[in-house]
Amino acid sequence: MPALEMTTREVLGGLQAAGVEEDLRADLRAFLDQCDLVKFAKVEPGAEASRSVLESGRAVVRRSAPRGGEPAPSGPGGAPPAGSGAGAEGSGAADEPAPAEGGVG
């Protein structure tokens, strides 16, 4: 699922169609709603709120990670999916577009 090009609603709809359990989708929705406030409404959360949202995101990742015996998703040739940040560099920073010259876009 190309989640980086999708809205929160589209991501959640795709996860519902894929059979992801409701409580995990609800937790992801709460996390993404907070992220959307920062991204689109330019809300500037304080340090404690930022830590709380970060921990919420980590909890969603932990809950959605493959369990023992389940293979991790992979791209062609068994490599991690493109843009997953699981490549040799590990940061995913190389997948980010460079900022436009002359300032913030």
N, C-alpha and C. Protein backbone atom coordinates (compact mmCIF):
# COMPACT_ATOMS: atom_id res chain seq x y z
N MET A 1 0.86 -1.17 0.00
CA MET A 1 0.00 0.00 0.00
C MET A 1 0.90 1.23 0.00
N PRO A 2 0.75 2.14 -0.95
CA PRO A 2 1.61 3.33 -1.02
C PRO A 2 1.16 4.40 -0.02
N ALA A 3 1.33 4.13 1.26
CA ALA A 3 0.78 4.97 2.33
C ALA A 3 1.31 6.40 2.29
N LEU A 4 2.53 6.62 1.82
CA LEU A 4 3.07 7.98 1.81
C LEU A 4 2.32 8.90 0.86
N GLU A 5 1.64 8.34 -0.13
CA GLU A 5 0.87 9.14 -1.07
C GLU A 5 -0.61 9.14 -0.75
N MET A 6 -0.99 8.63 0.41
CA MET A 6 -2.41 8.48 0.76
C MET A 6 -2.78 9.38 1.93
N THR A 7 -4.07 9.73 1.99
CA THR A 7 -4.57 10.48 3.14
C THR A 7 -4.77 9.50 4.30
N THR A 8 -4.95 10.05 5.48
CA THR A 8 -5.23 9.21 6.65
C THR A 8 -6.45 8.35 6.39
N ARG A 9 -7.49 8.94 5.84
CA ARG A 9 -8.73 8.19 5.56
C ARG A 9 -8.46 7.03 4.59
N GLU A 10 -7.67 7.28 3.55
CA GLU A 10 -7.36 6.23 2.58
C GLU A 10 -6.55 5.10 3.22
N VAL A 11 -5.57 5.46 4.05
CA VAL A 11 -4.77 4.44 4.74
C VAL A 11 -5.66 3.57 5.61
N LEU A 12 -6.50 4.21 6.40
CA LEU A 12 -7.37 3.45 7.30
C LEU A 12 -8.37 2.59 6.54
N GLY A 13 -8.88 3.11 5.43
CA GLY A 13 -9.79 2.31 4.59
C GLY A 13 -9.08 1.10 3.99
N GLY A 14 -7.85 1.29 3.56
CA GLY A 14 -7.07 0.17 3.02
C GLY A 14 -6.78 -0.88 4.07
N LEU A 15 -6.50 -0.43 5.28
CA LEU A 15 -6.24 -1.38 6.37
C LEU A 15 -7.50 -2.14 6.75
N GLN A 16 -8.65 -1.45 6.71
CA GLN A 16 -9.92 -2.12 6.99
C GLN A 16 -10.18 -3.18 5.93
N ALA A 17 -9.98 -2.82 4.67
CA ALA A 17 -10.19 -3.77 3.57
C ALA A 17 -9.25 -4.96 3.67
N ALA A 18 -8.06 -4.73 4.25
CA ALA A 18 -7.08 -5.81 4.41
C ALA A 18 -7.36 -6.67 5.65
N GLY A 19 -8.38 -6.29 6.42
CA GLY A 19 -8.76 -7.09 7.58
C GLY A 19 -7.99 -6.77 8.85
N VAL A 20 -7.35 -5.61 8.93
CA VAL A 20 -6.63 -5.22 10.14
C VAL A 20 -7.65 -4.96 11.23
N GLU A 21 -7.37 -5.46 12.43
CA GLU A 21 -8.32 -5.36 13.53
C GLU A 21 -8.66 -3.91 13.89
N GLU A 22 -9.90 -3.72 14.34
CA GLU A 22 -10.44 -2.39 14.63
C GLU A 22 -9.64 -1.64 15.68
N ASP A 23 -9.21 -2.30 16.75
CA ASP A 23 -8.51 -1.57 17.81
C ASP A 23 -7.15 -1.05 17.33
N LEU A 24 -6.47 -1.78 16.48
CA LEU A 24 -5.21 -1.30 15.92
C LEU A 24 -5.47 -0.12 14.98
N ARG A 25 -6.52 -0.21 14.17
CA ARG A 25 -6.87 0.90 13.28
C ARG A 25 -7.24 2.14 14.09
N ALA A 26 -7.94 1.97 15.20
CA ALA A 26 -8.32 3.11 16.05
C ALA A 26 -7.08 3.77 16.65
N ASP A 27 -6.12 2.96 17.10
CA ASP A 27 -4.88 3.52 17.64
C ASP A 27 -4.10 4.25 16.56
N LEU A 28 -4.05 3.67 15.37
CA LEU A 28 -3.35 4.32 14.27
C LEU A 28 -4.05 5.63 13.89
N ARG A 29 -5.38 5.61 13.89
CA ARG A 29 -6.14 6.84 13.57
C ARG A 29 -5.80 7.94 14.58
N ALA A 30 -5.77 7.62 15.86
CA ALA A 30 -5.45 8.62 16.89
C ALA A 30 -4.05 9.19 16.66
N PHE A 31 -3.09 8.31 16.33
CA PHE A 31 -1.73 8.76 16.06
C PHE A 31 -1.68 9.66 14.82
N LEU A 32 -2.29 9.21 13.74
CA LEU A 32 -2.26 9.98 12.49
C LEU A 32 -3.01 11.30 12.62
N ASP A 33 -4.08 11.32 13.40
CA ASP A 33 -4.80 12.58 13.62
C ASP A 33 -3.88 13.62 14.27
N GLN A 34 -3.07 13.19 15.23
CA GLN A 34 -2.13 14.10 15.87
C GLN A 34 -1.06 14.57 14.88
N CYS A 35 -0.59 13.65 14.07
CA CYS A 35 0.40 14.01 13.05
C CYS A 35 -0.18 15.00 12.04
N ASP A 36 -1.43 14.78 11.65
CA ASP A 36 -2.09 15.68 10.70
C ASP A 36 -2.22 17.10 11.26
N LEU A 37 -2.46 17.21 12.58
CA LEU A 37 -2.55 18.54 13.19
C LEU A 37 -1.25 19.31 13.01
N VAL A 38 -0.14 18.61 13.17
CA VAL A 38 1.16 19.26 13.01
C VAL A 38 1.42 19.57 11.54
N LYS A 39 1.14 18.60 10.69
CA LYS A 39 1.45 18.76 9.27
C LYS A 39 0.58 19.80 8.58
N PHE A 40 -0.72 19.77 8.84
CA PHE A 40 -1.63 20.61 8.08
C PHE A 40 -2.11 21.85 8.83
N ALA A 41 -2.32 21.74 10.14
CA ALA A 41 -2.81 22.88 10.92
C ALA A 41 -1.67 23.64 11.57
N LYS A 42 -0.45 23.15 11.38
CA LYS A 42 0.76 23.81 11.90
C LYS A 42 0.74 23.95 13.43
N VAL A 43 0.06 22.99 14.11
CA VAL A 43 0.07 22.96 15.57
C VAL A 43 1.49 22.67 16.02
N GLU A 44 1.94 23.32 17.06
CA GLU A 44 3.27 23.10 17.62
C GLU A 44 3.13 22.51 19.02
N PRO A 45 3.11 21.17 19.11
CA PRO A 45 2.91 20.54 20.42
C PRO A 45 4.12 20.76 21.32
N GLY A 46 3.87 20.77 22.61
CA GLY A 46 4.95 20.89 23.58
C GLY A 46 5.74 19.60 23.67
N ALA A 47 6.78 19.62 24.48
CA ALA A 47 7.67 18.46 24.61
C ALA A 47 6.93 17.23 25.10
N GLU A 48 6.08 17.39 26.11
CA GLU A 48 5.37 16.22 26.66
C GLU A 48 4.39 15.65 25.64
N ALA A 49 3.67 16.50 24.93
CA ALA A 49 2.75 16.02 23.90
C ALA A 49 3.51 15.32 22.78
N SER A 50 4.67 15.86 22.43
CA SER A 50 5.49 15.23 21.38
C SER A 50 5.95 13.85 21.82
N ARG A 51 6.40 13.73 23.06
CA ARG A 51 6.82 12.41 23.57
C ARG A 51 5.65 11.43 23.57
N SER A 52 4.48 11.91 23.95
CA SER A 52 3.30 11.05 23.99
C SER A 52 2.94 10.54 22.60
N VAL A 53 2.96 11.42 21.61
CA VAL A 53 2.64 11.01 20.24
C VAL A 53 3.71 10.05 19.71
N LEU A 54 4.96 10.32 20.01
CA LEU A 54 6.03 9.43 19.59
C LEU A 54 5.84 8.04 20.17
N GLU A 55 5.50 7.96 21.45
CA GLU A 55 5.28 6.65 22.08
C GLU A 55 4.05 5.97 21.48
N SER A 56 3.02 6.74 21.13
CA SER A 56 1.84 6.16 20.47
C SER A 56 2.23 5.53 19.14
N GLY A 57 3.05 6.24 18.38
CA GLY A 57 3.52 5.70 17.10
C GLY A 57 4.34 4.44 17.28
N ARG A 58 5.22 4.45 18.26
CA ARG A 58 6.02 3.25 18.54
C ARG A 58 5.14 2.08 18.94
N ALA A 59 4.11 2.35 19.74
CA ALA A 59 3.20 1.28 20.18
C ALA A 59 2.47 0.67 18.98
N VAL A 60 2.04 1.53 18.04
CA VAL A 60 1.36 1.02 16.84
C VAL A 60 2.31 0.15 16.03
N VAL A 61 3.56 0.60 15.89
CA VAL A 61 4.54 -0.19 15.14
C VAL A 61 4.78 -1.53 15.82
N ARG A 62 4.97 -1.52 17.13
CA ARG A 62 5.19 -2.78 17.85
C ARG A 62 4.02 -3.74 17.68
N ARG A 63 2.80 -3.21 17.76
CA ARG A 63 1.61 -4.06 17.63
C ARG A 63 1.44 -4.60 16.22
N SER A 64 1.91 -3.87 15.23
CA SER A 64 1.69 -4.28 13.85
C SER A 64 2.87 -5.06 13.26
N ALA A 65 3.97 -5.15 14.00
CA ALA A 65 5.15 -5.87 13.49
C ALA A 65 4.84 -7.36 13.40
N PRO A 66 5.43 -8.03 12.40
CA PRO A 66 5.23 -9.47 12.27
C PRO A 66 5.67 -10.20 13.53
N ARG A 67 4.91 -11.18 13.92
CA ARG A 67 5.24 -12.00 15.09
C ARG A 67 6.14 -13.15 14.65
N GLY A 68 6.71 -13.86 15.58
CA GLY A 68 7.56 -15.01 15.26
C GLY A 68 6.85 -15.96 14.31
N GLY A 69 7.56 -16.40 13.31
CA GLY A 69 6.99 -17.33 12.34
C GLY A 69 6.38 -16.66 11.13
N GLU A 70 6.05 -15.38 11.24
CA GLU A 70 5.51 -14.65 10.10
C GLU A 70 6.64 -13.95 9.37
N PRO A 71 6.72 -14.08 8.06
CA PRO A 71 7.79 -13.37 7.33
C PRO A 71 7.51 -11.87 7.30
N ALA A 72 8.56 -11.09 7.35
CA ALA A 72 8.44 -9.64 7.20
C ALA A 72 8.16 -9.34 5.74
N PRO A 73 7.39 -8.28 5.44
CA PRO A 73 7.15 -7.93 4.05
C PRO A 73 8.47 -7.62 3.36
N SER A 74 8.58 -8.00 2.10
CA SER A 74 9.81 -7.72 1.38
C SER A 74 9.51 -7.32 -0.05
N GLY A 75 10.47 -6.66 -0.63
CA GLY A 75 10.37 -6.25 -2.02
C GLY A 75 10.97 -7.33 -2.91
N PRO A 76 11.22 -7.01 -4.17
CA PRO A 76 11.80 -7.97 -5.09
C PRO A 76 13.14 -8.51 -4.59
N GLY A 77 13.36 -9.79 -4.74
CA GLY A 77 14.62 -10.41 -4.34
C GLY A 77 14.81 -10.52 -2.84
N GLY A 78 13.73 -10.36 -2.06
CA GLY A 78 13.82 -10.48 -0.62
C GLY A 78 14.30 -9.23 0.09
N ALA A 79 14.52 -8.15 -0.66
CA ALA A 79 14.98 -6.90 -0.05
C ALA A 79 13.82 -6.22 0.65
N PRO A 80 14.11 -5.36 1.64
CA PRO A 80 13.02 -4.61 2.28
C PRO A 80 12.31 -3.76 1.23
N PRO A 81 11.02 -3.48 1.42
CA PRO A 81 10.30 -2.65 0.45
C PRO A 81 10.96 -1.29 0.31
N ALA A 82 10.92 -0.74 -0.88
CA ALA A 82 11.51 0.58 -1.14
C ALA A 82 10.90 1.60 -0.20
N GLY A 83 11.75 2.46 0.37
CA GLY A 83 11.27 3.51 1.25
C GLY A 83 10.98 3.04 2.65
N SER A 84 11.29 1.77 2.97
CA SER A 84 10.96 1.26 4.30
C SER A 84 11.96 1.70 5.35
N GLY A 85 13.12 2.22 4.92
CA GLY A 85 14.13 2.62 5.88
C GLY A 85 14.89 1.44 6.44
N ALA A 86 14.64 0.25 5.91
CA ALA A 86 15.29 -0.94 6.43
C ALA A 86 16.47 -1.38 5.57
N GLY A 87 16.94 -0.51 4.70
CA GLY A 87 18.07 -0.83 3.84
C GLY A 87 19.37 -0.66 4.57
N ALA A 88 20.46 -0.62 3.83
CA ALA A 88 21.80 -0.54 4.42
C ALA A 88 21.97 0.71 5.25
N GLU A 89 21.39 1.82 4.80
CA GLU A 89 21.55 3.05 5.56
C GLU A 89 20.70 3.04 6.82
N GLY A 90 19.51 2.44 6.75
CA GLY A 90 18.66 2.29 7.92
C GLY A 90 17.87 3.52 8.30
N SER A 91 18.22 4.70 7.82
CA SER A 91 17.51 5.89 8.26
C SER A 91 16.36 6.27 7.34
N GLY A 92 16.41 5.84 6.09
CA GLY A 92 15.39 6.23 5.14
C GLY A 92 15.58 7.66 4.65
N ALA A 93 16.60 8.37 5.15
CA ALA A 93 16.80 9.76 4.79
C ALA A 93 17.06 9.91 3.29
N ALA A 94 17.66 8.91 2.67
CA ALA A 94 17.95 8.99 1.25
C ALA A 94 16.66 8.98 0.44
N ASP A 95 15.55 8.52 1.02
CA ASP A 95 14.29 8.48 0.33
C ASP A 95 13.56 9.81 0.35
N GLU A 96 14.03 10.75 1.17
CA GLU A 96 13.38 12.04 1.29
C GLU A 96 13.85 12.96 0.17
N PRO A 97 12.93 13.71 -0.44
CA PRO A 97 13.35 14.65 -1.47
C PRO A 97 14.16 15.78 -0.85
N ALA A 98 15.11 16.28 -1.62
CA ALA A 98 15.93 17.40 -1.16
C ALA A 98 15.08 18.65 -1.12
N PRO A 99 15.29 19.55 -0.13
CA PRO A 99 14.51 20.78 -0.09
C PRO A 99 14.81 21.65 -1.31
N ALA A 100 13.83 22.44 -1.70
CA ALA A 100 14.03 23.34 -2.83
C ALA A 100 15.10 24.35 -2.48
N GLU A 101 15.86 24.71 -3.49
CA GLU A 101 16.94 25.68 -3.26
C GLU A 101 16.35 27.03 -2.90
N GLY A 102 16.93 27.68 -1.93
CA GLY A 102 16.47 29.01 -1.56
C GLY A 102 15.55 29.03 -0.36
N GLY A 103 15.37 27.88 0.32
CA GLY A 103 14.55 27.95 1.53
C GLY A 103 13.58 26.81 1.64
N VAL A 104 12.71 26.93 2.60
CA VAL A 104 11.72 25.90 2.89
C VAL A 104 10.56 26.05 1.93
N GLY A 105 10.03 24.89 1.47
CA GLY A 105 8.98 24.90 0.47
C GLY A 105 7.70 24.92 1.05
